[in-house]
Amino acid sequence: MATAEGQNTLDAPAAWRLILASSSPRRRELLASSGRRFEVVPPSIPEPVRDWALLSPTETAEALAYFKARSVRQAHPRAWVLGADTVVACEGRILGKASGADEAEAMLRKLSGTRHAVITGVALLGPPSRRLIASDTTHVTMRRMSDQEVRQYIESGEWKDKAGAYAIQETADRFVEVVEGSFTNVVGLPMELVERMLATLDAQPPAEREV
């Protein structure tokens, strides 16, 4: 278990502790930028088999965020656990993380020249029966990529472990023309939404907080 401490990190309220249920360095960096103290515990569930037929993109992202947070909270019942999951939705198809270079290339070619949705589900689980589940959606317009650009991006390996096989916070920003909504949502954790959710903990009377 790791404790994240940024240079300007502030102590969280003494009556509760926060755990980030994620192995993503991007989510850890974003949450650390809020100035909160938290611990990092990767979820113990594997990446799910992608059969999204019964769920909408928003429902998929929120469900995966919930299951990630729940898997960690089972081992840490006296903490608040924050889980998140990001998917990309394009022309009725949900794109998660590519399983290999061929799938990543297919995803990029599908996204090239489109306006698509990036959706991050966020789950905050606390005491029994206490949970907040929400999501944020950002629309991204990507210019058309040339065959050479697609091949070079795949060769760079930057697509690995990224929803939709691209990372806007790295070199893929050169392919993006318009971002409508939260930029941090596209990176992997919509901080505006997360701050509103965490604010509900700050506002709790001491008797209702976990110790």
Protein backbone atom coordinates (compact mmCIF):
# COMPACT_ATOMS: atom_id res chain seq x y z
CA MET A 1 0.00 0.00 0.00
CA ALA A 2 1.43 3.37 -0.98
CA THR A 3 0.67 6.78 0.49
CA ALA A 4 0.55 9.63 -1.98
CA GLU A 5 2.01 12.90 -0.75
CA GLY A 6 2.34 15.83 -3.13
CA GLN A 7 4.51 18.83 -2.34
CA ASN A 8 1.46 20.85 -1.27
CA THR A 9 -0.51 17.96 0.18
CA LEU A 10 -2.93 18.83 2.97
CA ASP A 11 -4.13 16.44 5.65
CA ALA A 12 -7.50 14.88 5.00
CA PRO A 13 -10.06 15.22 7.82
CA ALA A 14 -8.75 13.19 10.73
CA ALA A 15 -11.98 11.21 11.07
CA TRP A 16 -11.76 9.44 7.73
CA ARG A 17 -9.16 8.04 5.38
CA LEU A 18 -9.27 7.86 1.61
CA ILE A 19 -8.03 5.05 -0.62
CA LEU A 20 -7.65 5.31 -4.39
CA ALA A 21 -8.53 1.95 -5.91
CA SER A 22 -6.38 2.22 -9.00
CA SER A 23 -3.00 1.21 -10.39
CA SER A 24 -3.06 4.14 -12.83
CA PRO A 25 -0.24 6.66 -12.32
CA ARG A 26 -2.36 9.25 -14.13
CA ARG A 27 -5.22 8.96 -11.64
CA ARG A 28 -2.77 9.05 -8.75
CA GLU A 29 -1.19 12.26 -10.06
CA LEU A 30 -4.57 13.91 -10.63
CA LEU A 31 -5.86 13.08 -7.16
CA ALA A 32 -2.58 14.20 -5.58
CA SER A 33 -2.99 17.56 -7.32
CA SER A 34 -6.09 18.16 -5.20
CA GLY A 35 -3.92 18.43 -2.09
CA ARG A 36 -5.59 15.52 -0.31
CA ARG A 37 -3.83 12.69 1.47
CA PHE A 38 -4.74 9.25 0.27
CA GLU A 39 -3.46 5.71 -0.02
CA VAL A 40 -3.22 3.70 -3.22
CA VAL A 41 -4.49 0.12 -3.34
CA PRO A 42 -4.88 -1.47 -6.81
CA PRO A 43 -8.18 -3.31 -7.23
CA SER A 44 -8.05 -7.08 -7.07
CA ILE A 45 -10.36 -7.69 -10.02
CA PRO A 46 -9.00 -8.43 -13.51
CA GLU A 47 -9.78 -6.33 -16.55
CA PRO A 48 -13.29 -7.47 -17.50
CA VAL A 49 -14.23 -9.37 -20.60
CA ARG A 50 -15.70 -6.74 -22.91
CA ASP A 51 -19.28 -7.76 -23.58
CA TRP A 52 -21.12 -4.46 -23.33
CA ALA A 53 -24.32 -5.41 -25.13
CA LEU A 54 -26.58 -5.01 -22.10
CA LEU A 55 -25.17 -1.73 -20.76
CA SER A 56 -24.85 1.79 -22.09
CA PRO A 57 -21.38 3.41 -22.09
CA THR A 58 -22.27 5.42 -18.97
CA GLU A 59 -23.63 2.35 -17.17
CA THR A 60 -20.53 0.38 -18.14
CA ALA A 61 -18.11 3.01 -16.79
CA GLU A 62 -20.06 3.42 -13.55
CA ALA A 63 -20.40 -0.33 -13.00
CA LEU A 64 -16.69 -0.97 -13.52
CA ALA A 65 -15.80 1.90 -11.18
CA TYR A 66 -18.09 0.42 -8.53
CA PHE A 67 -16.66 -3.08 -8.79
CA LYS A 68 -13.09 -1.74 -8.57
CA ALA A 69 -13.90 0.28 -5.45
CA ARG A 70 -15.84 -2.59 -3.87
CA SER A 71 -12.97 -5.05 -4.37
CA VAL A 72 -10.68 -2.78 -2.35
CA ARG A 73 -13.19 -1.80 0.30
CA GLN A 74 -13.80 -5.44 1.21
CA ALA A 75 -10.26 -5.47 2.62
CA HIS A 76 -10.49 -1.95 4.08
CA PRO A 77 -13.98 -1.68 5.57
CA ARG A 78 -13.19 1.40 7.67
CA ALA A 79 -12.05 3.60 4.79
CA TRP A 80 -13.67 5.54 1.99
CA VAL A 81 -12.60 4.04 -1.33
CA LEU A 82 -12.54 5.88 -4.66
CA GLY A 83 -12.71 3.81 -7.85
CA ALA A 84 -12.80 4.98 -11.47
CA ASP A 85 -13.02 3.52 -14.95
CA THR A 86 -12.84 5.22 -18.34
CA VAL A 87 -14.34 4.09 -21.63
CA VAL A 88 -14.60 5.68 -25.06
CA ALA A 89 -17.86 5.54 -27.00
CA CYS A 90 -17.83 6.00 -30.77
CA GLU A 91 -20.69 5.34 -33.17
CA GLY A 92 -22.45 3.03 -30.78
CA ARG A 93 -19.35 1.01 -29.88
CA ILE A 94 -17.61 1.03 -26.49
CA LEU A 95 -13.82 1.05 -26.59
CA GLY A 96 -11.87 0.08 -23.49
CA LYS A 97 -8.17 -0.76 -23.33
CA ALA A 98 -6.65 -2.47 -26.35
CA SER A 99 -5.42 -6.01 -25.74
CA GLY A 100 -2.61 -5.64 -28.27
CA ALA A 101 -1.16 -3.53 -31.06
CA ASP A 102 -3.57 -4.80 -33.71
CA GLU A 103 -6.61 -3.90 -31.62
CA ALA A 104 -5.07 -0.54 -30.73
CA GLU A 105 -4.57 0.25 -34.41
CA ALA A 106 -8.18 -0.70 -35.17
CA MET A 107 -9.38 1.60 -32.39
CA LEU A 108 -7.34 4.54 -33.63
CA ARG A 109 -8.57 4.11 -37.16
CA LYS A 110 -12.15 4.03 -35.89
CA LEU A 111 -11.64 7.22 -33.82
CA SER A 112 -9.74 9.08 -36.55
CA GLY A 113 -11.78 12.00 -37.86
CA THR A 114 -14.63 11.54 -35.37
CA ARG A 115 -16.33 13.33 -32.49
CA HIS A 116 -16.51 10.72 -29.76
CA ALA A 117 -17.35 10.55 -26.07
CA VAL A 118 -14.92 9.83 -23.24
CA ILE A 119 -16.80 8.68 -20.16
CA THR A 120 -15.34 8.12 -16.71
CA GLY A 121 -17.39 6.44 -14.02
CA VAL A 122 -16.51 7.29 -10.42
CA ALA A 123 -17.56 5.36 -7.32
CA LEU A 124 -17.00 6.49 -3.73
CA LEU A 125 -17.81 3.77 -1.20
CA GLY A 126 -17.92 4.31 2.55
CA PRO A 127 -19.79 2.83 5.48
CA PRO A 128 -22.32 0.08 4.78
CA SER A 129 -25.01 1.34 2.41
CA ARG A 130 -23.10 4.60 1.86
CA ARG A 131 -22.01 5.07 -1.72
CA LEU A 132 -21.84 7.76 -4.35
CA ILE A 133 -21.71 6.73 -8.02
CA ALA A 134 -21.57 9.21 -10.87
CA SER A 135 -19.89 9.83 -14.21
CA ASP A 136 -18.65 12.60 -16.43
CA THR A 137 -18.67 12.78 -20.22
CA THR A 138 -16.31 14.78 -22.41
CA HIS A 139 -16.66 14.98 -26.18
CA VAL A 140 -13.42 14.89 -28.16
CA THR A 141 -13.08 15.79 -31.82
CA MET A 142 -10.09 14.09 -33.39
CA ARG A 143 -8.71 15.10 -36.77
CA ARG A 144 -8.15 12.47 -39.41
CA MET A 145 -4.88 10.64 -38.87
CA SER A 146 -2.70 9.48 -41.75
CA ASP A 147 -1.67 5.84 -42.05
CA GLN A 148 1.87 6.84 -41.14
CA GLU A 149 0.73 8.68 -38.04
CA VAL A 150 -1.29 5.69 -36.89
CA ARG A 151 1.65 3.32 -37.42
CA GLN A 152 4.10 5.62 -35.64
CA TYR A 153 1.77 6.04 -32.68
CA ILE A 154 1.32 2.29 -32.38
CA GLU A 155 5.09 1.79 -32.55
CA SER A 156 5.56 4.31 -29.73
CA GLY A 157 3.65 2.06 -27.32
CA GLU A 158 1.86 5.07 -25.86
CA TRP A 159 -1.50 3.40 -26.50
CA LYS A 160 -0.94 0.73 -23.84
CA ASP A 161 -3.31 0.77 -20.86
CA LYS A 162 -5.33 3.66 -22.37
CA ALA A 163 -9.06 3.66 -23.07
CA GLY A 164 -9.52 4.10 -26.80
CA ALA A 165 -5.77 3.45 -27.29
CA TYR A 166 -4.65 7.08 -26.98
CA ALA A 167 -3.39 9.44 -24.29
CA ILE A 168 -4.38 13.07 -24.70
CA GLN A 169 -2.02 14.13 -21.91
CA GLU A 170 0.95 12.77 -23.87
CA THR A 171 1.67 13.08 -27.60
CA ALA A 172 -1.83 12.18 -28.85
CA ASP A 173 -2.95 15.74 -28.10
CA ARG A 174 -1.66 16.66 -31.57
CA PHE A 175 -4.50 14.63 -33.08
CA VAL A 176 -7.19 16.39 -31.02
CA GLU A 177 -8.97 19.45 -32.41
CA VAL A 178 -11.65 20.15 -29.81
CA VAL A 179 -12.29 19.08 -26.21
CA GLU A 180 -15.82 19.77 -24.95
CA GLY A 181 -15.91 19.29 -21.20
CA SER A 182 -13.45 18.23 -18.54
CA PHE A 183 -9.88 17.67 -19.73
CA THR A 184 -8.99 15.64 -16.62
CA ASN A 185 -11.89 13.34 -17.45
CA VAL A 186 -10.14 12.42 -20.71
CA VAL A 187 -6.93 11.79 -18.77
CA GLY A 188 -8.78 9.38 -16.49
CA LEU A 189 -10.26 11.15 -13.45
CA PRO A 190 -12.75 14.02 -13.73
CA MET A 191 -11.45 16.15 -10.89
CA GLU A 192 -14.36 18.58 -10.91
CA LEU A 193 -16.75 15.69 -10.25
CA VAL A 194 -14.40 14.01 -7.76
CA GLU A 195 -14.06 17.21 -5.73
CA ARG A 196 -17.85 17.53 -5.49
CA MET A 197 -18.12 13.94 -4.32
CA LEU A 198 -15.35 14.30 -1.74
CA ALA A 199 -16.90 17.53 -0.49
CA THR A 200 -19.80 15.47 0.81
CA LEU A 201 -17.36 13.75 3.18
CA ASP A 202 -15.95 17.05 4.40
CA ALA A 203 -19.49 18.19 5.17
CA GLN A 204 -20.45 15.15 7.22
CA PRO A 205 -21.03 15.65 10.96
CA PRO A 206 -18.21 13.98 12.97
CA ALA A 207 -20.60 11.34 14.30
CA GLU A 208 -21.30 10.14 10.77
CA ARG A 209 -17.68 9.80 9.73
CA GLU A 210 -15.72 6.60 9.89
CA VAL A 211 -12.63 6.39 12.05
